[in-house]
């Protein structure tokens, strides 16, 4: 029984070490689906579809899956951002 406990502790430590040392993917290589895009932008899925149809955001197709590049999507959102301080001056 002691051997199993020691083996589990060793395995858990190895898992923690691997988790802590892993390299996070860069955002430029990250793809998001429509659901995540709608969550990030706080809009409905139909709004994401409308943006895609109007080619405001460019889709990438992986078989039948529709994805968007994270960095391109964030650039699009930034371009649509309205600075509230500009509105207060008017």
N, C-alpha and C. Protein backbone atom coordinates (compact mmCIF):
# COMPACT_ATOMS: atom_id res chain seq x y z
N UNK A 1 0.82 -1.19 0.00
CA UNK A 1 0.00 0.00 0.00
C UNK A 1 0.87 1.26 0.00
N UNK A 2 1.95 1.23 0.74
CA UNK A 2 2.86 2.36 0.81
C UNK A 2 3.47 2.64 -0.57
N UNK A 3 3.78 1.59 -1.32
CA UNK A 3 4.35 1.74 -2.66
C UNK A 3 3.37 2.47 -3.58
N UNK A 4 2.09 2.14 -3.51
CA UNK A 4 1.07 2.79 -4.34
C UNK A 4 0.97 4.27 -3.99
N UNK A 5 0.99 4.57 -2.70
CA UNK A 5 0.89 5.96 -2.26
C UNK A 5 2.09 6.76 -2.76
N UNK A 6 3.29 6.20 -2.64
CA UNK A 6 4.49 6.89 -3.11
C UNK A 6 4.45 7.09 -4.62
N UNK A 7 3.95 6.10 -5.34
CA UNK A 7 3.84 6.20 -6.79
C UNK A 7 2.85 7.29 -7.19
N UNK A 8 1.74 7.38 -6.48
CA UNK A 8 0.75 8.42 -6.76
C UNK A 8 1.31 9.81 -6.49
N UNK A 9 2.02 9.97 -5.41
CA UNK A 9 2.62 11.26 -5.08
C UNK A 9 3.62 11.65 -6.16
N UNK A 10 4.43 10.70 -6.61
CA UNK A 10 5.40 10.97 -7.67
C UNK A 10 4.69 11.36 -8.96
N UNK A 11 3.63 10.65 -9.29
CA UNK A 11 2.86 10.95 -10.50
C UNK A 11 2.21 12.32 -10.41
N UNK A 12 1.64 12.65 -9.29
CA UNK A 12 1.01 13.96 -9.11
C UNK A 12 2.05 15.07 -9.24
N UNK A 13 3.21 14.89 -8.65
CA UNK A 13 4.28 15.90 -8.77
C UNK A 13 4.72 16.06 -10.22
N UNK A 14 4.82 14.96 -10.95
CA UNK A 14 5.19 15.02 -12.36
C UNK A 14 4.14 15.76 -13.18
N UNK A 15 2.88 15.51 -12.90
CA UNK A 15 1.79 16.20 -13.60
C UNK A 15 1.85 17.70 -13.33
N UNK A 16 2.08 18.08 -12.10
CA UNK A 16 2.18 19.51 -11.75
C UNK A 16 3.37 20.15 -12.46
N UNK A 17 4.48 19.44 -12.51
CA UNK A 17 5.67 19.97 -13.18
C UNK A 17 5.41 20.15 -14.68
N UNK A 18 4.78 19.18 -15.30
CA UNK A 18 4.46 19.29 -16.72
C UNK A 18 3.48 20.44 -16.98
N UNK A 19 2.50 20.57 -16.13
CA UNK A 19 1.52 21.65 -16.28
C UNK A 19 2.18 23.02 -16.15
N UNK A 20 3.06 23.16 -15.20
CA UNK A 20 3.71 24.44 -14.96
C UNK A 20 4.71 24.80 -16.06
N UNK A 21 5.27 23.82 -16.73
CA UNK A 21 6.29 24.06 -17.76
C UNK A 21 5.74 24.10 -19.17
N UNK A 22 4.47 23.84 -19.35
CA UNK A 22 3.95 23.81 -20.72
C UNK A 22 3.93 25.23 -21.30
N UNK A 23 4.05 25.28 -22.58
CA UNK A 23 4.07 26.57 -23.27
C UNK A 23 2.67 26.86 -23.77
N UNK A 24 2.15 28.01 -23.41
CA UNK A 24 0.82 28.41 -23.86
C UNK A 24 0.89 28.77 -25.33
N UNK A 25 -0.14 28.39 -26.11
CA UNK A 25 -0.12 28.75 -27.52
C UNK A 25 -0.22 30.26 -27.69
N UNK A 26 0.49 30.76 -28.68
CA UNK A 26 0.41 32.20 -28.92
C UNK A 26 -0.96 32.53 -29.48
N UNK A 27 -1.44 33.73 -29.20
CA UNK A 27 -2.77 34.14 -29.66
C UNK A 27 -2.85 34.21 -31.17
N UNK A 28 -1.71 34.44 -31.84
CA UNK A 28 -1.77 34.56 -33.29
C UNK A 28 -2.07 33.23 -33.96
N UNK A 29 -1.81 32.13 -33.29
CA UNK A 29 -2.10 30.81 -33.85
C UNK A 29 -3.39 30.22 -33.28
N UNK A 30 -4.09 30.97 -32.49
CA UNK A 30 -5.28 30.47 -31.81
C UNK A 30 -6.52 30.70 -32.66
N UNK A 31 -7.37 29.70 -32.74
CA UNK A 31 -8.64 29.81 -33.45
C UNK A 31 -9.77 29.65 -32.44
N UNK A 32 -10.84 30.40 -32.66
CA UNK A 32 -11.99 30.31 -31.77
C UNK A 32 -13.22 29.96 -32.59
N UNK A 33 -14.18 29.32 -31.95
CA UNK A 33 -15.42 28.99 -32.64
C UNK A 33 -16.44 30.12 -32.44
N UNK A 34 -17.60 29.96 -33.08
CA UNK A 34 -18.62 31.01 -33.02
C UNK A 34 -19.10 31.26 -31.60
N UNK A 35 -19.21 30.20 -30.83
CA UNK A 35 -19.70 30.35 -29.46
C UNK A 35 -18.73 31.17 -28.62
N UNK A 36 -17.45 30.89 -28.74
CA UNK A 36 -16.46 31.65 -27.98
C UNK A 36 -16.39 33.09 -28.49
N UNK A 37 -16.51 33.28 -29.80
CA UNK A 37 -16.50 34.63 -30.38
C UNK A 37 -17.68 35.44 -29.84
N UNK A 38 -18.84 34.81 -29.78
CA UNK A 38 -20.02 35.53 -29.27
C UNK A 38 -19.87 35.87 -27.80
N UNK A 39 -19.23 34.99 -27.04
CA UNK A 39 -19.00 35.25 -25.62
C UNK A 39 -18.01 36.40 -25.45
N UNK A 40 -16.93 36.39 -26.21
CA UNK A 40 -15.91 37.44 -26.11
C UNK A 40 -16.51 38.80 -26.45
N UNK A 41 -17.31 38.85 -27.52
CA UNK A 41 -17.87 40.12 -27.99
C UNK A 41 -19.17 40.49 -27.28
N UNK A 42 -19.70 39.59 -26.48
CA UNK A 42 -20.98 39.79 -25.78
C UNK A 42 -22.10 40.08 -26.78
N UNK A 43 -22.14 39.27 -27.83
CA UNK A 43 -23.21 39.37 -28.82
C UNK A 43 -23.77 37.98 -29.06
N UNK A 44 -24.88 37.92 -29.78
CA UNK A 44 -25.52 36.63 -30.05
C UNK A 44 -24.79 35.89 -31.17
N UNK A 45 -25.08 34.59 -31.28
CA UNK A 45 -24.52 33.79 -32.36
C UNK A 45 -24.98 34.30 -33.72
N UNK A 46 -26.21 34.81 -33.78
CA UNK A 46 -26.70 35.33 -35.06
C UNK A 46 -25.94 36.59 -35.48
N UNK A 47 -25.47 37.38 -34.52
CA UNK A 47 -24.64 38.54 -34.84
C UNK A 47 -23.31 38.09 -35.42
N UNK A 48 -22.72 37.06 -34.83
CA UNK A 48 -21.47 36.50 -35.36
C UNK A 48 -21.69 36.02 -36.79
N UNK A 49 -22.80 35.33 -37.04
CA UNK A 49 -23.13 34.87 -38.39
C UNK A 49 -23.31 36.03 -39.35
N UNK A 50 -23.95 37.10 -38.91
CA UNK A 50 -24.15 38.28 -39.76
C UNK A 50 -22.82 38.93 -40.09
N UNK A 51 -21.93 39.06 -39.11
CA UNK A 51 -20.60 39.62 -39.37
C UNK A 51 -19.84 38.76 -40.37
N UNK A 52 -19.99 37.44 -40.24
CA UNK A 52 -19.31 36.52 -41.16
C UNK A 52 -19.87 36.66 -42.57
N UNK A 53 -21.20 36.69 -42.69
CA UNK A 53 -21.83 36.81 -44.01
C UNK A 53 -21.47 38.13 -44.69
N UNK A 54 -21.35 39.19 -43.91
CA UNK A 54 -21.02 40.50 -44.47
C UNK A 54 -19.50 40.67 -44.63
N UNK A 55 -18.76 39.62 -44.30
CA UNK A 55 -17.30 39.57 -44.45
C UNK A 55 -16.58 40.59 -43.57
N UNK A 56 -17.20 40.95 -42.47
CA UNK A 56 -16.53 41.81 -41.49
C UNK A 56 -15.49 41.01 -40.72
N UNK A 57 -15.80 39.74 -40.51
CA UNK A 57 -14.84 38.81 -39.92
C UNK A 57 -14.69 37.64 -40.89
N UNK A 58 -13.46 37.20 -41.08
CA UNK A 58 -13.19 36.16 -42.05
C UNK A 58 -13.15 34.79 -41.38
N UNK A 59 -13.95 33.86 -41.87
CA UNK A 59 -13.97 32.53 -41.28
C UNK A 59 -12.88 31.64 -41.86
N UNK A 60 -12.50 30.65 -41.10
CA UNK A 60 -11.62 29.58 -41.54
C UNK A 60 -12.41 28.30 -41.37
N UNK A 61 -12.39 27.45 -42.37
CA UNK A 61 -13.18 26.23 -42.33
C UNK A 61 -12.26 25.03 -42.13
N UNK A 62 -12.60 24.23 -41.15
CA UNK A 62 -11.91 22.98 -40.87
C UNK A 62 -12.98 21.90 -41.00
N UNK A 63 -13.01 21.26 -42.17
CA UNK A 63 -14.12 20.38 -42.55
C UNK A 63 -15.41 21.19 -42.47
N UNK A 64 -16.30 20.84 -41.54
CA UNK A 64 -17.56 21.59 -41.44
C UNK A 64 -17.51 22.63 -40.31
N UNK A 65 -16.42 22.67 -39.58
CA UNK A 65 -16.30 23.60 -38.45
C UNK A 65 -15.88 24.98 -38.93
N UNK A 66 -16.55 26.00 -38.40
CA UNK A 66 -16.21 27.39 -38.71
C UNK A 66 -15.42 27.95 -37.54
N UNK A 67 -14.27 28.51 -37.84
CA UNK A 67 -13.42 29.10 -36.81
C UNK A 67 -12.97 30.49 -37.26
N UNK A 68 -12.53 31.28 -36.29
CA UNK A 68 -12.00 32.60 -36.55
C UNK A 68 -10.65 32.71 -35.86
N UNK A 69 -9.71 33.39 -36.49
CA UNK A 69 -8.43 33.61 -35.83
C UNK A 69 -8.63 34.60 -34.71
N UNK A 70 -8.14 34.27 -33.55
CA UNK A 70 -8.32 35.09 -32.36
C UNK A 70 -7.78 36.50 -32.56
N UNK A 71 -6.56 36.62 -33.10
CA UNK A 71 -5.96 37.95 -33.25
C UNK A 71 -6.73 38.80 -34.25
N UNK A 72 -7.22 38.21 -35.34
CA UNK A 72 -8.02 38.95 -36.31
C UNK A 72 -9.35 39.40 -35.71
N UNK A 73 -9.96 38.51 -34.93
CA UNK A 73 -11.24 38.84 -34.30
C UNK A 73 -11.08 39.97 -33.30
N UNK A 74 -10.01 39.93 -32.51
CA UNK A 74 -9.79 40.98 -31.53
C UNK A 74 -9.48 42.31 -32.22
N UNK A 75 -8.78 42.28 -33.35
CA UNK A 75 -8.52 43.50 -34.12
C UNK A 75 -9.83 44.08 -34.63
N UNK A 76 -10.72 43.21 -35.12
CA UNK A 76 -12.04 43.66 -35.58
C UNK A 76 -12.81 44.32 -34.45
N UNK A 77 -12.83 43.69 -33.28
CA UNK A 77 -13.56 44.27 -32.15
C UNK A 77 -12.96 45.61 -31.74
N UNK A 78 -11.65 45.71 -31.75
CA UNK A 78 -10.99 46.97 -31.38
C UNK A 78 -11.37 48.07 -32.37
N UNK A 79 -11.51 47.72 -33.64
CA UNK A 79 -11.86 48.73 -34.64
C UNK A 79 -13.29 49.22 -34.46
N UNK A 80 -14.13 48.43 -33.83
CA UNK A 80 -15.53 48.80 -33.61
C UNK A 80 -15.75 49.46 -32.25
N UNK A 81 -14.71 49.54 -31.46
CA UNK A 81 -14.82 50.09 -30.11
C UNK A 81 -15.15 51.58 -30.16
N UNK A 82 -16.07 51.98 -29.34
CA UNK A 82 -16.44 53.38 -29.23
C UNK A 82 -15.88 53.91 -27.93
N UNK A 83 -15.07 54.95 -28.02
CA UNK A 83 -14.48 55.55 -26.83
C UNK A 83 -15.52 56.45 -26.18
N UNK A 84 -15.93 56.12 -24.98
CA UNK A 84 -16.98 56.88 -24.30
C UNK A 84 -16.57 58.33 -24.04
N UNK A 85 -15.30 58.60 -23.87
CA UNK A 85 -14.88 60.00 -23.62
C UNK A 85 -15.13 60.86 -24.85
N UNK A 86 -15.06 60.29 -26.05
CA UNK A 86 -15.36 61.05 -27.27
C UNK A 86 -16.84 61.44 -27.29
N UNK A 87 -17.70 60.55 -26.84
CA UNK A 87 -19.13 60.81 -26.83
C UNK A 87 -19.51 61.90 -25.81
N UNK A 88 -18.76 61.97 -24.73
CA UNK A 88 -19.06 62.96 -23.70
C UNK A 88 -18.71 64.37 -24.15
N UNK A 89 -17.73 64.49 -25.05
CA UNK A 89 -17.31 65.81 -25.53
C UNK A 89 -18.31 66.42 -26.50
N UNK A 90 -19.16 65.62 -27.09
CA UNK A 90 -20.08 66.12 -28.11
C UNK A 90 -21.34 66.71 -27.53
